[in-house]
Amino acid sequence: MNNPRLQKLQVFYEQDPNDPFNLYALTLEYLKSDRSTARIYFEKLIRDFADYLPTYYQAAQFFAEEGDVKKAKETYERGMAVAEIAGQEKVLRELRGAYRQWLDEWEGE
């Protein structure tokens, strides 16, 4: 691992693995260099920190880019449900918009 930022984020995560932000930041950094690890961490975020809303947009977009249509759809839908339950209207609107745009692009292919 020759990436100082990645190393620092790994240390933060190891120091406090119960803070979803630490794992989220680490995941986003892995997106730049190791998509298979990013996938593992997105799945961990969704499983272990289901209420952490920032995950859903990025994870759904990631799964869509990877061609995993089923996982992308599930992730958008789950994120919208979590946002609705949490009363996070702005996040809900953003996820709905991204989901609709993705559906239009996916169905148009």
N, C-alpha and C. Protein backbone atom coordinates (compact mmCIF):
# COMPACT_ATOMS: atom_id res chain seq x y z
N MET A 1 0.86 -1.17 0.00
CA MET A 1 0.00 0.00 0.00
C MET A 1 0.90 1.23 0.00
N ASN A 2 0.96 1.91 -1.11
CA ASN A 2 1.85 3.04 -1.28
C ASN A 2 1.11 4.37 -1.27
N ASN A 3 -0.12 4.36 -0.82
CA ASN A 3 -0.96 5.55 -0.82
C ASN A 3 -1.07 6.06 0.62
N PRO A 4 -0.42 7.20 0.92
CA PRO A 4 -0.44 7.71 2.30
C PRO A 4 -1.86 8.01 2.81
N ARG A 5 -2.71 8.51 1.92
CA ARG A 5 -4.10 8.80 2.35
C ARG A 5 -4.82 7.51 2.70
N LEU A 6 -4.65 6.49 1.89
CA LEU A 6 -5.26 5.19 2.15
C LEU A 6 -4.74 4.62 3.47
N GLN A 7 -3.46 4.75 3.70
CA GLN A 7 -2.87 4.25 4.95
C GLN A 7 -3.46 4.97 6.16
N LYS A 8 -3.59 6.27 6.05
CA LYS A 8 -4.15 7.06 7.16
C LYS A 8 -5.61 6.67 7.42
N LEU A 9 -6.38 6.51 6.36
CA LEU A 9 -7.78 6.13 6.52
C LEU A 9 -7.90 4.72 7.12
N GLN A 10 -6.98 3.85 6.74
CA GLN A 10 -6.98 2.50 7.30
C GLN A 10 -6.73 2.55 8.81
N VAL A 11 -5.81 3.40 9.23
CA VAL A 11 -5.52 3.56 10.66
C VAL A 11 -6.75 4.09 11.39
N PHE A 12 -7.40 5.11 10.82
CA PHE A 12 -8.62 5.65 11.45
C PHE A 12 -9.67 4.55 11.61
N TYR A 13 -9.85 3.76 10.57
CA TYR A 13 -10.83 2.69 10.63
C TYR A 13 -10.46 1.66 11.69
N GLU A 14 -9.20 1.29 11.75
CA GLU A 14 -8.76 0.30 12.74
C GLU A 14 -8.91 0.83 14.16
N GLN A 15 -8.72 2.14 14.35
CA GLN A 15 -8.86 2.74 15.66
C GLN A 15 -10.32 2.81 16.11
N ASP A 16 -11.22 2.98 15.17
CA ASP A 16 -12.65 3.08 15.52
C ASP A 16 -13.50 2.42 14.42
N PRO A 17 -13.54 1.09 14.42
CA PRO A 17 -14.29 0.39 13.38
C PRO A 17 -15.81 0.52 13.52
N ASN A 18 -16.27 1.11 14.62
CA ASN A 18 -17.71 1.28 14.82
C ASN A 18 -18.23 2.62 14.33
N ASP A 19 -17.33 3.43 13.77
CA ASP A 19 -17.74 4.71 13.19
C ASP A 19 -17.92 4.50 11.69
N PRO A 20 -19.15 4.55 11.19
CA PRO A 20 -19.37 4.28 9.77
C PRO A 20 -18.64 5.25 8.85
N PHE A 21 -18.40 6.48 9.32
CA PHE A 21 -17.69 7.43 8.46
C PHE A 21 -16.29 6.93 8.13
N ASN A 22 -15.62 6.32 9.10
CA ASN A 22 -14.26 5.82 8.85
C ASN A 22 -14.26 4.77 7.74
N LEU A 23 -15.20 3.86 7.79
CA LEU A 23 -15.29 2.83 6.76
C LEU A 23 -15.72 3.43 5.42
N TYR A 24 -16.63 4.38 5.47
CA TYR A 24 -17.11 5.04 4.25
C TYR A 24 -15.96 5.77 3.55
N ALA A 25 -15.19 6.53 4.31
CA ALA A 25 -14.07 7.27 3.73
C ALA A 25 -13.04 6.30 3.15
N LEU A 26 -12.77 5.23 3.85
CA LEU A 26 -11.84 4.21 3.37
C LEU A 26 -12.35 3.58 2.07
N THR A 27 -13.62 3.30 2.02
CA THR A 27 -14.23 2.71 0.83
C THR A 27 -14.10 3.63 -0.37
N LEU A 28 -14.39 4.90 -0.18
CA LEU A 28 -14.29 5.86 -1.29
C LEU A 28 -12.85 5.98 -1.79
N GLU A 29 -11.90 5.87 -0.89
CA GLU A 29 -10.50 5.92 -1.32
C GLU A 29 -10.15 4.65 -2.10
N TYR A 30 -10.65 3.52 -1.67
CA TYR A 30 -10.40 2.27 -2.40
C TYR A 30 -11.02 2.30 -3.80
N LEU A 31 -12.07 3.06 -3.98
CA LEU A 31 -12.68 3.17 -5.31
C LEU A 31 -11.67 3.62 -6.36
N LYS A 32 -10.68 4.37 -5.94
CA LYS A 32 -9.70 4.93 -6.87
C LYS A 32 -8.66 3.90 -7.32
N SER A 33 -8.49 2.83 -6.52
CA SER A 33 -7.38 1.93 -6.82
C SER A 33 -7.69 0.44 -6.75
N ASP A 34 -8.73 0.07 -6.02
CA ASP A 34 -9.01 -1.35 -5.80
C ASP A 34 -10.52 -1.55 -5.67
N ARG A 35 -11.16 -1.71 -6.82
CA ARG A 35 -12.62 -1.78 -6.83
C ARG A 35 -13.15 -3.04 -6.16
N SER A 36 -12.40 -4.11 -6.15
CA SER A 36 -12.89 -5.32 -5.50
C SER A 36 -12.94 -5.12 -3.98
N THR A 37 -11.96 -4.43 -3.42
CA THR A 37 -12.00 -4.12 -1.99
C THR A 37 -13.11 -3.11 -1.71
N ALA A 38 -13.28 -2.14 -2.59
CA ALA A 38 -14.36 -1.17 -2.41
C ALA A 38 -15.71 -1.89 -2.36
N ARG A 39 -15.90 -2.87 -3.22
CA ARG A 39 -17.15 -3.63 -3.22
C ARG A 39 -17.38 -4.32 -1.87
N ILE A 40 -16.36 -4.95 -1.37
CA ILE A 40 -16.46 -5.63 -0.07
C ILE A 40 -16.86 -4.64 1.02
N TYR A 41 -16.23 -3.46 0.99
CA TYR A 41 -16.53 -2.46 2.02
C TYR A 41 -17.92 -1.84 1.83
N PHE A 42 -18.35 -1.62 0.59
CA PHE A 42 -19.72 -1.14 0.39
C PHE A 42 -20.72 -2.16 0.95
N GLU A 43 -20.49 -3.42 0.68
CA GLU A 43 -21.39 -4.45 1.20
C GLU A 43 -21.37 -4.48 2.72
N LYS A 44 -20.20 -4.28 3.32
CA LYS A 44 -20.09 -4.24 4.78
C LYS A 44 -20.83 -3.03 5.34
N LEU A 45 -20.67 -1.88 4.69
CA LEU A 45 -21.39 -0.69 5.14
C LEU A 45 -22.90 -0.91 5.13
N ILE A 46 -23.40 -1.46 4.05
CA ILE A 46 -24.85 -1.68 3.93
C ILE A 46 -25.32 -2.70 4.98
N ARG A 47 -24.53 -3.71 5.21
CA ARG A 47 -24.89 -4.76 6.17
C ARG A 47 -24.76 -4.27 7.61
N ASP A 48 -23.63 -3.66 7.95
CA ASP A 48 -23.34 -3.34 9.35
C ASP A 48 -23.77 -1.95 9.79
N PHE A 49 -23.95 -1.04 8.83
CA PHE A 49 -24.33 0.33 9.14
C PHE A 49 -25.48 0.75 8.23
N ALA A 50 -26.55 0.01 8.29
CA ALA A 50 -27.68 0.19 7.37
C ALA A 50 -28.29 1.59 7.44
N ASP A 51 -28.16 2.28 8.56
CA ASP A 51 -28.74 3.60 8.71
C ASP A 51 -27.83 4.72 8.22
N TYR A 52 -26.62 4.38 7.78
CA TYR A 52 -25.68 5.41 7.34
C TYR A 52 -26.01 5.79 5.89
N LEU A 53 -26.79 6.83 5.74
CA LEU A 53 -27.35 7.20 4.44
C LEU A 53 -26.34 7.57 3.35
N PRO A 54 -25.20 8.20 3.64
CA PRO A 54 -24.29 8.54 2.55
C PRO A 54 -23.86 7.34 1.71
N THR A 55 -23.89 6.17 2.29
CA THR A 55 -23.45 4.96 1.60
C THR A 55 -24.27 4.68 0.35
N TYR A 56 -25.56 4.88 0.41
CA TYR A 56 -26.45 4.34 -0.61
C TYR A 56 -26.25 4.93 -2.00
N TYR A 57 -26.08 6.23 -2.09
CA TYR A 57 -25.88 6.84 -3.41
C TYR A 57 -24.61 6.30 -4.05
N GLN A 58 -23.51 6.37 -3.30
CA GLN A 58 -22.22 5.93 -3.83
C GLN A 58 -22.22 4.44 -4.14
N ALA A 59 -22.79 3.64 -3.25
CA ALA A 59 -22.79 2.18 -3.45
C ALA A 59 -23.65 1.80 -4.65
N ALA A 60 -24.82 2.39 -4.77
CA ALA A 60 -25.70 2.08 -5.91
C ALA A 60 -25.02 2.46 -7.22
N GLN A 61 -24.40 3.62 -7.24
CA GLN A 61 -23.68 4.06 -8.44
C GLN A 61 -22.54 3.09 -8.75
N PHE A 62 -21.83 2.66 -7.73
CA PHE A 62 -20.74 1.70 -7.91
C PHE A 62 -21.26 0.40 -8.52
N PHE A 63 -22.32 -0.17 -7.94
CA PHE A 63 -22.85 -1.43 -8.44
C PHE A 63 -23.34 -1.28 -9.88
N ALA A 64 -23.95 -0.13 -10.19
CA ALA A 64 -24.40 0.12 -11.56
C ALA A 64 -23.22 0.15 -12.52
N GLU A 65 -22.15 0.84 -12.13
CA GLU A 65 -20.96 0.90 -12.98
C GLU A 65 -20.34 -0.48 -13.18
N GLU A 66 -20.47 -1.33 -12.18
CA GLU A 66 -19.92 -2.68 -12.26
C GLU A 66 -20.82 -3.61 -13.08
N GLY A 67 -21.99 -3.11 -13.48
CA GLY A 67 -22.91 -3.92 -14.26
C GLY A 67 -23.77 -4.85 -13.44
N ASP A 68 -23.77 -4.65 -12.12
CA ASP A 68 -24.58 -5.48 -11.23
C ASP A 68 -25.93 -4.79 -11.04
N VAL A 69 -26.79 -4.96 -12.05
CA VAL A 69 -28.08 -4.27 -12.10
C VAL A 69 -28.94 -4.61 -10.88
N LYS A 70 -29.00 -5.86 -10.52
CA LYS A 70 -29.82 -6.28 -9.38
C LYS A 70 -29.36 -5.59 -8.09
N LYS A 71 -28.06 -5.60 -7.85
CA LYS A 71 -27.51 -5.00 -6.63
C LYS A 71 -27.69 -3.49 -6.64
N ALA A 72 -27.53 -2.86 -7.79
CA ALA A 72 -27.73 -1.41 -7.89
C ALA A 72 -29.18 -1.06 -7.55
N LYS A 73 -30.11 -1.78 -8.13
CA LYS A 73 -31.55 -1.54 -7.89
C LYS A 73 -31.88 -1.74 -6.41
N GLU A 74 -31.41 -2.83 -5.84
CA GLU A 74 -31.66 -3.11 -4.42
C GLU A 74 -31.08 -2.01 -3.53
N THR A 75 -29.91 -1.53 -3.89
CA THR A 75 -29.24 -0.52 -3.07
C THR A 75 -29.97 0.81 -3.14
N TYR A 76 -30.37 1.24 -4.34
CA TYR A 76 -31.17 2.46 -4.44
C TYR A 76 -32.46 2.32 -3.64
N GLU A 77 -33.16 1.22 -3.81
CA GLU A 77 -34.45 1.03 -3.13
C GLU A 77 -34.29 0.98 -1.62
N ARG A 78 -33.26 0.29 -1.15
CA ARG A 78 -33.03 0.22 0.29
C ARG A 78 -32.67 1.60 0.84
N GLY A 79 -31.83 2.33 0.12
CA GLY A 79 -31.47 3.67 0.55
C GLY A 79 -32.67 4.59 0.64
N MET A 80 -33.56 4.50 -0.34
CA MET A 80 -34.77 5.33 -0.30
C MET A 80 -35.64 4.96 0.89
N ALA A 81 -35.74 3.69 1.19
CA ALA A 81 -36.54 3.25 2.33
C ALA A 81 -35.94 3.75 3.64
N VAL A 82 -34.64 3.67 3.78
CA VAL A 82 -33.96 4.14 4.99
C VAL A 82 -34.14 5.65 5.13
N ALA A 83 -33.99 6.38 4.04
CA ALA A 83 -34.16 7.83 4.08
C ALA A 83 -35.58 8.21 4.45
N GLU A 84 -36.54 7.49 3.92
CA GLU A 84 -37.95 7.78 4.24
C GLU A 84 -38.23 7.52 5.71
N ILE A 85 -37.78 6.40 6.22
CA ILE A 85 -37.99 6.07 7.64
C ILE A 85 -37.32 7.11 8.54
N ALA A 86 -36.14 7.56 8.13
CA ALA A 86 -35.39 8.54 8.93
C ALA A 86 -35.93 9.96 8.77
N GLY A 87 -36.88 10.16 7.85
CA GLY A 87 -37.43 11.49 7.62
C GLY A 87 -36.45 12.42 6.93
N GLN A 88 -35.51 11.86 6.19
CA GLN A 88 -34.50 12.64 5.48
C GLN A 88 -34.99 12.93 4.06
N GLU A 89 -35.86 13.93 3.95
CA GLU A 89 -36.51 14.24 2.68
C GLU A 89 -35.52 14.63 1.58
N LYS A 90 -34.51 15.41 1.93
CA LYS A 90 -33.54 15.84 0.92
C LYS A 90 -32.78 14.63 0.36
N VAL A 91 -32.33 13.76 1.24
CA VAL A 91 -31.62 12.55 0.80
C VAL A 91 -32.55 11.68 -0.03
N LEU A 92 -33.78 11.56 0.41
CA LEU A 92 -34.77 10.76 -0.32
C LEU A 92 -34.96 11.30 -1.74
N ARG A 93 -35.10 12.62 -1.87
CA ARG A 93 -35.25 13.23 -3.20
C ARG A 93 -34.02 12.97 -4.07
N GLU A 94 -32.84 13.11 -3.48
CA GLU A 94 -31.61 12.89 -4.24
C GLU A 94 -31.51 11.43 -4.71
N LEU A 95 -31.82 10.50 -3.83
CA LEU A 95 -31.77 9.09 -4.21
C LEU A 95 -32.82 8.76 -5.27
N ARG A 96 -34.02 9.31 -5.10
CA ARG A 96 -35.07 9.06 -6.12
C ARG A 96 -34.64 9.59 -7.47
N GLY A 97 -34.08 10.79 -7.48
CA GLY A 97 -33.64 11.38 -8.75
C GLY A 97 -32.54 10.56 -9.40
N ALA A 98 -31.57 10.13 -8.61
CA ALA A 98 -30.48 9.32 -9.15
C ALA A 98 -31.00 7.97 -9.63
N TYR A 99 -31.93 7.41 -8.89
CA TYR A 99 -32.52 6.11 -9.26
C TYR A 99 -33.29 6.22 -10.57
N ARG A 100 -34.09 7.25 -10.70
CA ARG A 100 -34.86 7.45 -11.93
C ARG A 100 -33.93 7.66 -13.13
N GLN A 101 -32.91 8.47 -12.93
CA GLN A 101 -31.95 8.72 -14.01
C GLN A 101 -31.25 7.41 -14.40
N TRP A 102 -30.84 6.64 -13.42
CA TRP A 102 -30.19 5.37 -13.71
C TRP A 102 -31.14 4.42 -14.44
N LEU A 103 -32.40 4.35 -13.98
CA LEU A 103 -33.38 3.48 -14.66
C LEU A 103 -33.56 3.89 -16.11
N ASP A 104 -33.67 5.21 -16.35
CA ASP A 104 -33.82 5.70 -17.72
C ASP A 104 -32.63 5.31 -18.58
N GLU A 105 -31.42 5.47 -18.04
CA GLU A 105 -30.22 5.12 -18.80
C GLU A 105 -30.13 3.61 -19.00
N TRP A 106 -30.41 2.86 -17.96
CA TRP A 106 -30.30 1.40 -18.03
C TRP A 106 -31.33 0.82 -19.00
N GLU A 107 -32.56 1.29 -18.90
CA GLU A 107 -33.62 0.80 -19.76
C GLU A 107 -33.42 1.24 -21.21
N GLY A 108 -32.71 2.36 -21.40
CA GLY A 108 -32.46 2.87 -22.74
C GLY A 108 -31.35 2.14 -23.49
N GLU A 109 -30.63 1.31 -22.77
CA GLU A 109 -29.51 0.60 -23.41
C GLU A 109 -29.99 -0.57 -24.23
